[in-house]
C-alpha cells in the first residue's frame, strides 16, 4: 500500500495557505491587525464628525427658525403687530357731547333787576361786623340805619331825585378813623336803569349819620367830600369829613382815603351779592 508523503498537512487551527510551508506569516497577520485598528479608529472619528455635523445642523436649524436668536420668546418679527392684536370690545366707547356747556351766569345779571335779585336786603348783609379792614387801614363802624322813606336820609335835592326814580329803601352806615368820619348809603331801585338815572340827576347829597361814638359831622354848612356811584340796581353815596367840624380841602388826603375805602367796599359787597346768587343758580338742576 502506498502513502502520500511530503505534501502539505491541514488540520484544525492551521492558518496556512495552500502552497505554504504550514508556518503562519506573522508579519502579515500583524499588518492585517493594524489595518483593522486603523479602520475602526477612522470609523469612530467619522462617526464623531457626523454626529457633530448633525448637532450643528440641528442648532443651525433652530437658529434659523428663531430668526438668529436663542431667546425662547422668539424674535420681534414673530410677535403680532398691533393691528393683529385682538380688540377689547367689552370696554364701553367714550362718548363726548357735541353740545357746548352753557357759560356761567354773569353775577351782574343777578343784581341788575329785582326780578333776579332775591337775596334779603339788610344792614348786616351789606355792613357786617364791627370794623372794616382795608389793607392796613381799620375803620370802626358806628351808627347804622335803614328806611323805606329814602328822602329822610338825604340833604338838599337828592331826596327828591331818589323818590322820583322809585327808591325802595336806603341803608346807611358810618365809619370813623383818626378824627375822620364817613357815612355811606345804598339806595335800592327796581332796575339798573333807575339807579343810573339817579346818579345822572343827583344833586345835594347824603345826610351824615352820627351816634354810636361818632359826634355830628358834615352839618351846618361844613364843607365835606361827597361821592355818587351806581352798580346794578344800586346807587351808593358817601359824605365824609372831620368830626371836629373842620371843612375838608383837597389836601386832606385822610378824608379821601376813608371815603375811597368805603366806596370800594360797597362795590365789592354788591358784586359779591351777585356772585353768590349766580353760583346758586348754576348749581340748580336744569328744569
C-alpha atoms as a PDB file:
ATOM      1  CA  UNK A   1       0.000   0.000   0.000  1.00  0.00           C
ATOM      2  CA  UNK A   2       1.465   3.172  -0.962  1.00  0.00           C
ATOM      3  CA  UNK A   3       1.101   6.555   1.023  1.00  0.00           C
ATOM      4  CA  UNK A   4       1.485  10.173   0.082  1.00  0.00           C
ATOM      5  CA  UNK A   5       4.494  11.760   1.739  1.00  0.00           C
ATOM      6  CA  UNK A   6       5.992  15.240   1.578  1.00  0.00           C
ATOM      7  CA  UNK A   7       2.681  17.035   0.810  1.00  0.00           C
ATOM      8  CA  UNK A   8       1.131  19.695   2.942  1.00  0.00           C
ATOM      9  CA  UNK A   9      -0.728  18.659   6.057  1.00  0.00           C
ATOM     10  CA  UNK A  10      -4.051  20.537   7.016  1.00  0.00           C
ATOM     11  CA  UNK A  11      -5.526  20.210  10.386  1.00  0.00           C
ATOM     12  CA  UNK A  12      -7.806  22.137  12.659  1.00  0.00           C
ATOM     13  CA  UNK A  13      -6.466  25.568  13.659  1.00  0.00           C
ATOM     14  CA  UNK A  14      -3.966  25.774  10.838  1.00  0.00           C
ATOM     15  CA  UNK A  15      -3.701  29.266   9.356  1.00  0.00           C
ATOM     16  CA  UNK A  16      -1.572  28.399   6.437  1.00  0.00           C
ATOM     17  CA  UNK A  17      -2.439  28.779   2.822  1.00  0.00           C
ATOM     18  CA  UNK A  18      -2.074  26.207   0.046  1.00  0.00           C
ATOM     19  CA  UNK A  19       1.446  26.027  -1.108  1.00  0.00           C
ATOM     20  CA  UNK A  20       2.703  27.402   2.252  1.00  0.00           C
ATOM     21  CA  UNK A  21       5.108  25.519   4.407  1.00  0.00           C
ATOM     22  CA  UNK A  22       2.432  25.409   7.195  1.00  0.00           C
ATOM     23  CA  UNK A  23       4.106  28.130   9.359  1.00  0.00           C
ATOM     24  CA  UNK A  24       1.859  31.322   9.893  1.00  0.00           C
ATOM     25  CA  UNK A  25       3.034  34.553   8.339  1.00  0.00           C
ATOM     26  CA  UNK A  26       3.267  36.612  11.495  1.00  0.00           C
ATOM     27  CA  UNK A  27       4.211  39.809   9.749  1.00  0.00           C
ATOM     28  CA  UNK A  28       1.169  39.652   7.516  1.00  0.00           C
ATOM     29  CA  UNK A  29      -1.049  38.981  10.488  1.00  0.00           C
ATOM     30  CA  UNK A  30       0.370  41.980  12.301  1.00  0.00           C
ATOM     31  CA  UNK A  31      -0.219  44.212   9.293  1.00  0.00           C
ATOM     32  CA  UNK A  32      -3.776  42.973   8.983  1.00  0.00           C
ATOM     33  CA  UNK A  33      -4.445  43.669  12.678  1.00  0.00           C
ATOM     34  CA  UNK A  34      -3.027  47.152  12.353  1.00  0.00           C
ATOM     35  CA  UNK A  35      -5.165  47.814   9.298  1.00  0.00           C
ATOM     36  CA  UNK A  36      -8.283  46.720  11.156  1.00  0.00           C
ATOM     37  CA  UNK A  37      -7.407  49.003  14.082  1.00  0.00           C
ATOM     38  CA  UNK A  38      -6.925  51.925  11.711  1.00  0.00           C
ATOM     39  CA  UNK A  39     -10.280  51.324  10.049  1.00  0.00           C
ATOM     40  CA  UNK A  40     -12.009  51.168  13.431  1.00  0.00           C
ATOM     41  CA  UNK A  41     -10.365  54.409  14.504  1.00  0.00           C
ATOM     42  CA  UNK A  42     -11.391  56.177  11.300  1.00  0.00           C
ATOM     43  CA  UNK A  43     -14.902  54.873  11.677  1.00  0.00           C
ATOM     44  CA  UNK A  44     -15.058  56.293  15.197  1.00  0.00           C
ATOM     45  CA  UNK A  45     -13.664  59.680  14.064  1.00  0.00           C
ATOM     46  CA  UNK A  46     -16.047  59.735  11.120  1.00  0.00           C
ATOM     47  CA  UNK A  47     -18.974  58.948  13.378  1.00  0.00           C
ATOM     48  CA  UNK A  48     -17.967  61.771  15.692  1.00  0.00           C
ATOM     49  CA  UNK A  49     -17.732  64.201  12.805  1.00  0.00           C
ATOM     50  CA  UNK A  50     -21.103  63.019  11.529  1.00  0.00           C
ATOM     51  CA  UNK A  51     -22.671  63.408  14.973  1.00  0.00           C
ATOM     52  CA  UNK A  52     -21.168  66.876  15.358  1.00  0.00           C
ATOM     53  CA  UNK A  53     -22.479  67.793  11.942  1.00  0.00           C
ATOM     54  CA  UNK A  54     -25.930  66.600  12.848  1.00  0.00           C
ATOM     55  CA  UNK A  55     -25.950  68.612  16.096  1.00  0.00           C
ATOM     56  CA  UNK A  56     -24.665  71.636  14.238  1.00  0.00           C
ATOM     57  CA  UNK A  57     -27.382  71.203  11.642  1.00  0.00           C
ATOM     58  CA  UNK A  58     -29.986  70.987  14.381  1.00  0.00           C
ATOM     59  CA  UNK A  59     -28.629  74.109  16.086  1.00  0.00           C
ATOM     60  CA  UNK A  60     -28.411  75.926  12.771  1.00  0.00           C
ATOM     61  CA  UNK A  61     -31.977  74.916  12.031  1.00  0.00           C
ATOM     62  CA  UNK A  62     -33.075  76.195  15.438  1.00  0.00           C
ATOM     63  CA  UNK A  63     -31.236  79.475  14.932  1.00  0.00           C
ATOM     64  CA  UNK A  64     -32.759  79.952  11.523  1.00  0.00           C
ATOM     65  CA  UNK A  65     -36.190  79.136  12.915  1.00  0.00           C
ATOM     66  CA  UNK A  66     -35.858  81.710  15.709  1.00  0.00           C
ATOM     67  CA  UNK A  67     -34.514  84.375  13.433  1.00  0.00           C
ATOM     68  CA  UNK A  68     -30.910  84.231  14.662  1.00  0.00           C
ATOM     69  CA  UNK A  69     -31.793  84.357  18.405  1.00  0.00           C
ATOM     70  CA  UNK A  70     -31.731  81.717  21.080  1.00  0.00           C
ATOM     71  CA  UNK A  71     -34.359  83.662  23.052  1.00  0.00           C
ATOM     72  CA  UNK A  72     -37.255  81.208  23.517  1.00  0.00           C
ATOM     73  CA  UNK A  73     -39.715  84.087  23.293  1.00  0.00           C
ATOM     74  CA  UNK A  74     -38.925  84.477  19.615  1.00  0.00           C
ATOM     75  CA  UNK A  75     -37.874  87.493  17.634  1.00  0.00           C
ATOM     76  CA  UNK A  76     -39.679  90.783  17.256  1.00  0.00           C
ATOM     77  CA  UNK A  77     -40.652  89.758  13.749  1.00  0.00           C
ATOM     78  CA  UNK A  78     -42.640  86.827  15.127  1.00  0.00           C
ATOM     79  CA  UNK A  79     -44.585  88.963  17.640  1.00  0.00           C
ATOM     80  CA  UNK A  80     -48.020  90.021  16.465  1.00  0.00           C
ATOM     81  CA  UNK A  81     -48.240  93.524  15.109  1.00  0.00           C
ATOM     82  CA  UNK A  82     -50.512  95.974  16.983  1.00  0.00           C
ATOM     83  CA  UNK A  83     -53.067  95.666  14.204  1.00  0.00           C
ATOM     84  CA  UNK A  84     -53.088  91.882  14.681  1.00  0.00           C
ATOM     85  CA  UNK A  85     -53.879  92.063  18.397  1.00  0.00           C
ATOM     86  CA  UNK A  86     -57.488  91.326  19.329  1.00  0.00           C
ATOM     87  CA  UNK A  87     -59.532  94.359  20.339  1.00  0.00           C
ATOM     88  CA  UNK A  88     -61.210  94.538  23.756  1.00  0.00           C
ATOM     89  CA  UNK A  89     -64.839  95.004  22.842  1.00  0.00           C
ATOM     90  CA  UNK A  90     -66.061  94.718  26.413  1.00  0.00           C
ATOM     91  CA  UNK A  91     -64.984  98.273  27.394  1.00  0.00           C
ATOM     92  CA  UNK A  92     -67.562 100.980  26.647  1.00  0.00           C
ATOM     93  CA  UNK A  93     -66.704 103.510  23.979  1.00  0.00           C
ATOM     94  CA  UNK A  94     -66.055 107.012  25.379  1.00  0.00           C
ATOM     95  CA  UNK A  95     -68.784 109.436  24.473  1.00  0.00           C
ATOM     96  CA  UNK A  96     -68.486 113.171  24.100  1.00  0.00           C
ATOM     97  CA  UNK A  97     -71.360 115.579  23.931  1.00  0.00           C
ATOM     98  CA  UNK A  98     -71.424 117.754  20.862  1.00  0.00           C
ATOM     99  CA  UNK A  99     -73.341 120.400  22.800  1.00  0.00           C
ATOM    100  CA  UNK A 100     -71.114 123.011  24.452  1.00  0.00           C
ATOM    101  CA  UNK A 101     -71.887 123.631  28.131  1.00  0.00           C
ATOM    102  CA  UNK A 102     -73.638 126.925  28.826  1.00  0.00           C
ATOM    103  CA  UNK A 103     -71.427 129.800  30.020  1.00  0.00           C
ATOM    104  CA  UNK A 104     -71.502 130.518  33.750  1.00  0.00           C
ATOM    105  CA  UNK A 105     -74.075 133.108  34.788  1.00  0.00           C
ATOM    106  CA  UNK A 106     -72.943 136.729  34.911  1.00  0.00           C
ATOM    107  CA  UNK A 107     -73.016 137.962  38.542  1.00  0.00           C
ATOM    108  CA  UNK A 108     -74.054 141.436  37.416  1.00  0.00           C
ATOM    109  CA  UNK A 109     -77.173 139.931  35.856  1.00  0.00           C
ATOM    110  CA  UNK A 110     -78.364 138.979  39.345  1.00  0.00           C
ATOM    111  CA  UNK A 111     -78.010 142.435  40.864  1.00  0.00           C
ATOM    112  CA  UNK A 112     -79.381 144.411  37.908  1.00  0.00           C
ATOM    113  CA  UNK A 113     -83.109 143.847  38.490  1.00  0.00           C
ATOM    114  CA  UNK A 114     -85.428 142.951  41.339  1.00  0.00           C
ATOM    115  CA  UNK A 115     -86.694 140.016  39.261  1.00  0.00           C
ATOM    116  CA  UNK A 116     -83.447 138.078  39.838  1.00  0.00           C
ATOM    117  CA  UNK A 117     -82.001 139.801  42.901  1.00  0.00           C
ATOM    118  CA  UNK A 118     -83.943 137.824  45.506  1.00  0.00           C
ATOM    119  CA  UNK A 119     -81.462 137.730  48.393  1.00  0.00           C
ATOM    120  CA  UNK A 120     -82.571 139.557  51.580  1.00  0.00           C
ATOM    121  CA  UNK A 121     -81.526 143.223  51.827  1.00  0.00           C
ATOM    122  CA  UNK A 122     -80.412 144.070  55.363  1.00  0.00           C
ATOM    123  CA  UNK A 123     -77.913 146.335  57.082  1.00  0.00           C
ATOM    124  CA  UNK A 124     -75.961 143.299  58.247  1.00  0.00           C
ATOM    125  CA  UNK A 125     -75.687 141.773  54.767  1.00  0.00           C
ATOM    126  CA  UNK A 126     -74.007 144.914  53.418  1.00  0.00           C
ATOM    127  CA  UNK A 127     -72.175 146.132  56.536  1.00  0.00           C
ATOM    128  CA  UNK A 128     -71.256 143.092  58.675  1.00  0.00           C
ATOM    129  CA  UNK A 129     -69.086 143.139  61.787  1.00  0.00           C
ATOM    130  CA  UNK A 130     -67.907 145.975  63.999  1.00  0.00           C
ATOM    131  CA  UNK A 131     -64.859 147.017  61.977  1.00  0.00           C
ATOM    132  CA  UNK A 132     -63.805 147.296  58.363  1.00  0.00           C
ATOM    133  CA  UNK A 133     -60.203 146.495  57.409  1.00  0.00           C
ATOM    134  CA  UNK A 134     -58.919 147.667  54.047  1.00  0.00           C
ATOM    135  CA  UNK A 135     -55.261 146.712  53.791  1.00  0.00           C
ATOM    136  CA  UNK A 136     -53.561 148.086  56.902  1.00  0.00           C
ATOM    137  CA  UNK A 137     -56.339 150.647  57.496  1.00  0.00           C
ATOM    138  CA  UNK A 138     -59.014 149.745  60.055  1.00  0.00           C
ATOM    139  CA  UNK A 139     -62.279 151.704  60.246  1.00  0.00           C
ATOM    140  CA  UNK A 140     -64.621 151.393  63.216  1.00  0.00           C
ATOM    141  CA  UNK A 141     -68.315 151.050  62.451  1.00  0.00           C
ATOM    142  CA  UNK A 142     -70.631 153.498  64.196  1.00  0.00           C
ATOM    143  CA  UNK A 143     -74.358 154.082  63.759  1.00  0.00           C
ATOM    144  CA  UNK A 144     -76.408 152.318  61.071  1.00  0.00           C
ATOM    145  CA  UNK A 145     -79.918 152.867  59.697  1.00  0.00           C
ATOM    146  CA  UNK A 146     -82.444 151.569  57.192  1.00  0.00           C
ATOM    147  CA  UNK A 147     -85.562 153.298  55.867  1.00  0.00           C
ATOM    148  CA  UNK A 148     -88.075 152.948  53.052  1.00  0.00           C
ATOM    149  CA  UNK A 149     -88.550 156.739  53.019  1.00  0.00           C
ATOM    150  CA  UNK A 150     -85.344 157.376  51.119  1.00  0.00           C
ATOM    151  CA  UNK A 151     -85.607 161.205  51.242  1.00  0.00           C
ATOM    152  CA  UNK A 152     -85.234 161.260  55.058  1.00  0.00           C
ATOM    153  CA  UNK A 153     -81.622 160.198  54.776  1.00  0.00           C
ATOM    154  CA  UNK A 154     -80.568 162.942  52.381  1.00  0.00           C
ATOM    155  CA  UNK A 155     -79.765 166.679  52.226  1.00  0.00           C
ATOM    156  CA  UNK A 156     -80.741 169.097  49.517  1.00  0.00           C
ATOM    157  CA  UNK A 157     -82.295 167.890  46.275  1.00  0.00           C
ATOM    158  CA  UNK A 158     -81.100 164.304  46.466  1.00  0.00           C
ATOM    159  CA  UNK A 159     -84.202 163.185  48.359  1.00  0.00           C
ATOM    160  CA  UNK A 160     -86.491 164.244  45.525  1.00  0.00           C
ATOM    161  CA  UNK A 161     -84.289 162.539  42.940  1.00  0.00           C
ATOM    162  CA  UNK A 162     -84.397 159.282  44.880  1.00  0.00           C
ATOM    163  CA  UNK A 163     -88.156 159.473  45.272  1.00  0.00           C
ATOM    164  CA  UNK A 164     -88.825 160.350  41.627  1.00  0.00           C
ATOM    165  CA  UNK A 165     -86.804 157.371  40.416  1.00  0.00           C
ATOM    166  CA  UNK A 166     -88.564 154.900  42.681  1.00  0.00           C
ATOM    167  CA  UNK A 167     -86.062 154.364  45.509  1.00  0.00           C
ATOM    168  CA  UNK A 168     -87.340 151.398  47.517  1.00  0.00           C
ATOM    169  CA  UNK A 169     -85.111 151.735  50.582  1.00  0.00           C
ATOM    170  CA  UNK A 170     -81.975 153.474  51.822  1.00  0.00           C
ATOM    171  CA  UNK A 171     -79.402 151.789  54.051  1.00  0.00           C
ATOM    172  CA  UNK A 172     -76.703 153.863  55.821  1.00  0.00           C
ATOM    173  CA  UNK A 173     -73.656 153.143  57.973  1.00  0.00           C
ATOM    174  CA  UNK A 174     -70.957 155.401  59.422  1.00  0.00           C
ATOM    175  CA  UNK A 175     -67.284 154.502  59.836  1.00  0.00           C
ATOM    176  CA  UNK A 176     -64.577 156.532  61.558  1.00  0.00           C
ATOM    177  CA  UNK A 177     -60.791 156.571  61.709  1.00  0.00           C
ATOM    178  CA  UNK A 178     -58.424 159.110  63.267  1.00  0.00           C
ATOM    179  CA  UNK A 179     -60.851 162.023  63.615  1.00  0.00           C
ATOM    180  CA  UNK A 180     -62.418 161.389  60.180  1.00  0.00           C
ATOM    181  CA  UNK A 181     -65.975 160.063  59.794  1.00  0.00           C
ATOM    182  CA  UNK A 182     -67.701 158.922  56.597  1.00  0.00           C
ATOM    183  CA  UNK A 183     -71.336 157.888  56.118  1.00  0.00           C
ATOM    184  CA  UNK A 184     -72.042 155.561  53.194  1.00  0.00           C
ATOM    185  CA  UNK A 185     -75.572 154.991  51.884  1.00  0.00           C
ATOM    186  CA  UNK A 186     -77.018 152.437  49.456  1.00  0.00           C
ATOM    187  CA  UNK A 187     -80.233 153.294  47.617  1.00  0.00           C
ATOM    188  CA  UNK A 188     -82.116 150.288  46.190  1.00  0.00           C
ATOM    189  CA  UNK A 189     -84.105 150.511  42.932  1.00  0.00           C
ATOM    190  CA  UNK A 190     -86.163 148.088  40.876  1.00  0.00           C
ATOM    191  CA  UNK A 191     -83.868 148.210  37.815  1.00  0.00           C
ATOM    192  CA  UNK A 192     -80.360 149.171  36.813  1.00  0.00           C
ATOM    193  CA  UNK A 193     -81.706 151.903  34.551  1.00  0.00           C
ATOM    194  CA  UNK A 194     -83.347 153.702  37.505  1.00  0.00           C
ATOM    195  CA  UNK A 195     -80.136 153.577  39.527  1.00  0.00           C
ATOM    196  CA  UNK A 196     -78.114 155.033  36.644  1.00  0.00           C
ATOM    197  CA  UNK A 197     -80.676 157.780  36.095  1.00  0.00           C
ATOM    198  CA  UNK A 198     -80.485 158.720  39.778  1.00  0.00           C
ATOM    199  CA  UNK A 199     -76.713 159.130  39.547  1.00  0.00           C
ATOM    200  CA  UNK A 200     -77.055 161.279  36.429  1.00  0.00           C
ATOM    201  CA  UNK A 201     -79.610 163.537  38.154  1.00  0.00           C
ATOM    202  CA  UNK A 202     -78.006 163.571  41.591  1.00  0.00           C
ATOM    203  CA  UNK A 203     -77.835 166.911  43.381  1.00  0.00           C
ATOM    204  CA  UNK A 204     -77.358 167.640  47.042  1.00  0.00           C
ATOM    205  CA  UNK A 205     -76.088 164.667  48.963  1.00  0.00           C
ATOM    206  CA  UNK A 206     -76.411 162.006  51.595  1.00  0.00           C
ATOM    207  CA  UNK A 207     -77.096 163.090  55.187  1.00  0.00           C
ATOM    208  CA  UNK A 208     -74.380 162.086  57.661  1.00  0.00           C
ATOM    209  CA  UNK A 209     -75.388 159.624  60.375  1.00  0.00           C
ATOM    210  CA  UNK A 210     -73.945 160.331  63.822  1.00  0.00           C
ATOM    211  CA  UNK A 211     -74.162 158.349  67.049  1.00  0.00           C
ATOM    212  CA  UNK A 212     -72.556 155.186  68.491  1.00  0.00           C
ATOM    213  CA  UNK A 213     -69.427 157.115  69.453  1.00  0.00           C
ATOM    214  CA  UNK A 214     -69.347 159.474  66.466  1.00  0.00           C
ATOM    215  CA  UNK A 215     -70.335 163.095  67.007  1.00  0.00           C
ATOM    216  CA  UNK A 216     -72.322 165.134  64.493  1.00  0.00           C
ATOM    217  CA  UNK A 217     -70.309 165.955  61.384  1.00  0.00           C
ATOM    218  CA  UNK A 218     -70.837 167.437  57.938  1.00  0.00           C
ATOM    219  CA  UNK A 219     -73.787 169.564  59.020  1.00  0.00           C
ATOM    220  CA  UNK A 220     -74.446 173.290  59.266  1.00  0.00           C
ATOM    221  CA  UNK A 221     -72.643 174.344  56.131  1.00  0.00           C
ATOM    222  CA  UNK A 222     -69.383 172.485  56.791  1.00  0.00           C
ATOM    223  CA  UNK A 223     -67.563 171.612  53.588  1.00  0.00           C
ATOM    224  CA  UNK A 224     -67.356 167.815  53.206  1.00  0.00           C
ATOM    225  CA  UNK A 225     -66.431 165.419  50.467  1.00  0.00           C
ATOM    226  CA  UNK A 226     -69.284 163.681  48.611  1.00  0.00           C
ATOM    227  CA  UNK A 227     -69.289 160.829  46.068  1.00  0.00           C
ATOM    228  CA  UNK A 228     -72.001 159.264  43.888  1.00  0.00           C
ATOM    229  CA  UNK A 229     -71.845 155.900  42.040  1.00  0.00           C
ATOM    230  CA  UNK A 230     -74.044 153.024  40.887  1.00  0.00           C
ATOM    231  CA  UNK A 231     -73.666 149.296  40.170  1.00  0.00           C
ATOM    232  CA  UNK A 232     -76.555 147.143  39.049  1.00  0.00           C
ATOM    233  CA  UNK A 233     -79.799 148.334  40.621  1.00  0.00           C
ATOM    234  CA  UNK A 234     -77.955 150.027  43.487  1.00  0.00           C
ATOM    235  CA  UNK A 235     -76.875 153.681  43.715  1.00  0.00           C
ATOM    236  CA  UNK A 236     -74.428 154.402  46.527  1.00  0.00           C
ATOM    237  CA  UNK A 237     -73.216 157.645  48.077  1.00  0.00           C
ATOM    238  CA  UNK A 238     -70.700 158.871  50.666  1.00  0.00           C
ATOM    239  CA  UNK A 239     -70.311 162.019  52.703  1.00  0.00           C
ATOM    240  CA  UNK A 240     -67.186 162.442  54.808  1.00  0.00           C
ATOM    241  CA  UNK A 241     -65.328 165.000  56.872  1.00  0.00           C
ATOM    242  CA  UNK A 242     -63.764 165.810  60.224  1.00  0.00           C
ATOM    243  CA  UNK A 243     -65.613 165.072  63.442  1.00  0.00           C
ATOM    244  CA  UNK A 244     -64.396 168.412  64.908  1.00  0.00           C
ATOM    245  CA  UNK A 245     -66.325 170.379  62.270  1.00  0.00           C
ATOM    246  CA  UNK A 246     -63.328 171.471  60.188  1.00  0.00           C
ATOM    247  CA  UNK A 247     -64.038 171.879  56.484  1.00  0.00           C
ATOM    248  CA  UNK A 248     -62.364 169.489  54.064  1.00  0.00           C
ATOM    249  CA  UNK A 249     -59.894 170.697  51.455  1.00  0.00           C
ATOM    250  CA  UNK A 250     -58.239 168.920  48.542  1.00  0.00           C
ATOM    251  CA  UNK A 251     -55.112 168.467  50.647  1.00  0.00           C
ATOM    252  CA  UNK A 252     -56.911 166.453  53.311  1.00  0.00           C
ATOM    253  CA  UNK A 253     -55.970 163.053  51.875  1.00  0.00           C
ATOM    254  CA  UNK A 254     -57.058 161.212  55.031  1.00  0.00           C
ATOM    255  CA  UNK A 255     -60.705 162.078  54.327  1.00  0.00           C
ATOM    256  CA  UNK A 256     -60.337 160.975  50.709  1.00  0.00           C
ATOM    257  CA  UNK A 257     -58.726 157.678  51.767  1.00  0.00           C
ATOM    258  CA  UNK A 258     -61.554 156.720  54.144  1.00  0.00           C
ATOM    259  CA  UNK A 259     -64.205 157.672  51.583  1.00  0.00           C
ATOM    260  CA  UNK A 260     -62.451 155.662  48.829  1.00  0.00           C
ATOM    261  CA  UNK A 261     -62.160 152.618  51.107  1.00  0.00           C
ATOM    262  CA  UNK A 262     -65.903 152.671  51.795  1.00  0.00           C
ATOM    263  CA  UNK A 263     -66.759 153.210  48.121  1.00  0.00           C
ATOM    264  CA  UNK A 264     -64.621 150.204  47.109  1.00  0.00           C
ATOM    265  CA  UNK A 265     -66.048 148.113  49.922  1.00  0.00           C
ATOM    266  CA  UNK A 266     -69.670 148.774  48.908  1.00  0.00           C
ATOM    267  CA  UNK A 267     -68.908 147.930  45.270  1.00  0.00           C
ATOM    268  CA  UNK A 268     -67.378 144.599  46.361  1.00  0.00           C
ATOM    269  CA  UNK A 269     -70.346 143.825  48.598  1.00  0.00           C
ATOM    270  CA  UNK A 270     -72.820 144.398  45.768  1.00  0.00           C
ATOM    271  CA  UNK A 271     -70.725 142.334  43.340  1.00  0.00           C
ATOM    272  CA  UNK A 272     -70.406 139.505  45.883  1.00  0.00           C
ATOM    273  CA  UNK A 273     -74.181 139.533  46.247  1.00  0.00           C
ATOM    274  CA  UNK A 274     -74.410 138.873  42.508  1.00  0.00           C
ATOM    275  CA  UNK A 275     -71.746 136.153  42.584  1.00  0.00           C
ATOM    276  CA  UNK A 276     -73.489 134.227  45.353  1.00  0.00           C
ATOM    277  CA  UNK A 277     -76.834 134.231  43.551  1.00  0.00           C
ATOM    278  CA  UNK A 278     -75.233 133.344  40.193  1.00  0.00           C
ATOM    279  CA  UNK A 279     -73.445 130.380  41.797  1.00  0.00           C
ATOM    280  CA  UNK A 280     -76.663 129.175  43.368  1.00  0.00           C
ATOM    281  CA  UNK A 281     -78.439 129.401  40.017  1.00  0.00           C
ATOM    282  CA  UNK A 282     -75.665 127.447  38.278  1.00  0.00           C
ATOM    283  CA  UNK A 283     -75.885 124.685  40.899  1.00  0.00           C
ATOM    284  CA  UNK A 284     -79.613 124.206  40.476  1.00  0.00           C
ATOM    285  CA  UNK A 285     -80.641 121.287  38.196  1.00  0.00           C
ATOM    286  CA  UNK A 286     -81.911 122.218  34.766  1.00  0.00           C
ATOM    287  CA  UNK A 287     -85.688 122.306  34.531  1.00  0.00           C
END
